[in-house]
């Protein structure tokens, strides 16, 4: 079996670490396999002049900043006899994002000097001139990366699980020796001795599993073996890391059918707007699997984390299957990232600030593992990962939350139009928040469709449908979706992500439209018949892109997009010009984003002012200077130009005949429906919510019973029929709107035989 190395994890219990030094392996086995920990440390180069010399990741009552806060801090030391200009240097706790924080201009580290920076996530410079980074330290242990302006790694410091008010760093005069200091010395020389030294040497020994991961018809005994002799094996089946919570392996592990086991994690309450008193989730039994994690141990050293997921007697899935596992407390405990959390419900109980975020929107990142199985049951990917809850409203309002996944040592192969792309990070996306059609995944459908059908590249995120098992329990249909990151811009437009600035995006976001050079005031005052204004518009916007972006929102009737004030618009441009790349021209373009609330009301008549064509012509919304209204405002202004108006109507007509051709879209959606259909019964049952035994109290307090949630396949089929009905009607309705509001242009196109 293949193995893969884990990232730094918690430090062992101090007393047990001392025992490990003196007790032989056999004695440890007799003691029942006490958990020890020795993790890897990226060794720094001895000749580096600027180093990370000390950190404090659990500062409770120690060093204070100028505003009286006790934040995490990092000490940088210049060991040379000359000052070092840190302008443009980078500091990060993410190896995939080395420029997470970039030191501002005029940041100078004096000769033989030390600099304290606050790693508290606040991203500002305080009144004392101290720098506050845009990320915080992980008290459970992680690695820090210092990078010079030329992209070379200057220093790496890895640290284990930290203790309150202790610091961790390099022993004075011995940079390759690491450990805990009894008394932190921020801004001064480190001590020449440790309270406790840290031996970061790892064991180069993997654990092999007797059975290939995947599905089996009947139960079996799984044996674990280590590659090296005289080695102990510790394992878990609850998702946690064996070095934290493992059992000493002595006899074969029983792998059995777990389908009849009670649901454990599906029953967890994870919605922030519903009291757990009224509702019960996970009432329908779902398929389950067993995730076995194992590590070898020898002489105080741990081997890499190895994982294998097994199903026994579970249904055969028609989509690839992903198994994601992590420490169950970190996922579903009182501080778990998937739940609202104890703090949130304490605030609710005492009517405190209801804006207090739940754990599920905290942005905390945890360690986990991920395995991907193809439809033939072959495991094609296994790796340790970093996990976060992803999304906006869906973080707190949906059962099937999205997960941001960062692979540690592997890449996911996504095939798009026959071309393979290797992704180091992606999103496991649920059905979305506020989606018009339950479990239709229309955002993924439309994005994939536009990838193939649209003549103008609007930057859609490609999605691959999968089945997710989370912590050993069936979780439902998900999409592996590429992120709006450097890889997406490189794939679609061939531009270097470092040169891109976005408004509304996660990649290099600008603080404001003004800061990014988008003059909304001039756009709002635009005269569509003034040559100077038209020249300015042409120089600052890719008009074809903006027009096609608006048409996409118009045809799909996106109630949560560009034609609605302040909703889901991402604008981007390159800050450098590449004459050989038409997309790297410094002009603003729109990126398609969030198509969950589409295919609604094909005739646009439910609310009169939401007639999109009428709304484009009549200034029906206050733009308020928001960049989110730039695409609509641009088209609205330019419709005052006769030539543009004709070109715009012609572009809509052509789009309905090509990209949004009725028969073509209906055929694509029918195929999408057929792909989802075999998996939907389980997916819908997993989302069921029933009233608790306190429903009688809900009736008394609110005058009505709690609204239970239950959807049958017949209901889902009706939903999909409604989507197809939308597509069969939409172009006819939109054509009617064009005749109603833009009759001269339609008449001219008709005379030219274009309609």
Foldseek 3Di string as FASTA:
>chain_A
DDFFFFFFFAAFDVVVLVVLQPDALVVCVVVFNGFHAAAAWDFADPPQQKEFFKWDQAEDPDDADPVGDRAIKIKIFGAAQAKDFQQQKAKDQDPVCRNQDGDHGPDIAGHRWMAMAGAHLPQDQDPVRHGYGNHGDDLQWTKMWIAGNVGHTRYMGTDHRDDYQWMKGAAFPGRRWIEIDPHDDHGDTHHNDHPDTHRNDADAKDKDWPDAFFEDAFKDWIDIDIPDPPKWKWKDFQQEARSVPTGTDDGTDIFGFCQPPQDDQQQAAAALPDDPQWWGAPPDGFGFKTKMWMWIDGSSHIHRIGIGIYHYNHDQDPFKEKEKGHNCCCCRNQLHQRHQHPVQVVCVVVVHDNVPGGSLPPFDKGKIKMWIAGSVGHTDDIAIWIWHFDDDNQSRHASQTKIKIAGDPAFDWDAAPNDTDTHRIWMFADLDPPFPAPPLSVLQLVLNLCSPFPPDCQQRWHWGWYWYDYSGGTRFITTGTHFPAQVSCCVRFVDGLVQKEKDPHPRNDDPACVRLPNDLVCLLVAQLPDPVSVVVLVLAAPLVQLLVLLLVCLLFVQPQALQDAPGFKMKMAGNDADPVTPRNRRHIHIHDGDRRHTLPDLLLVPPVCSNRVVCLQDVSDDRVSHPSNSSSSNSSNNCVPPVVVLVSVLVSLVCCVTSLPLVVSLVSSVVSCVSCVVRVQSNQSNRWMDTDPCQVVVCVVPVDGDDTDHDHVVNSVVSSVSSSVSSVCNVVSVVVVCCVPVVVSVVVCVVVVSD
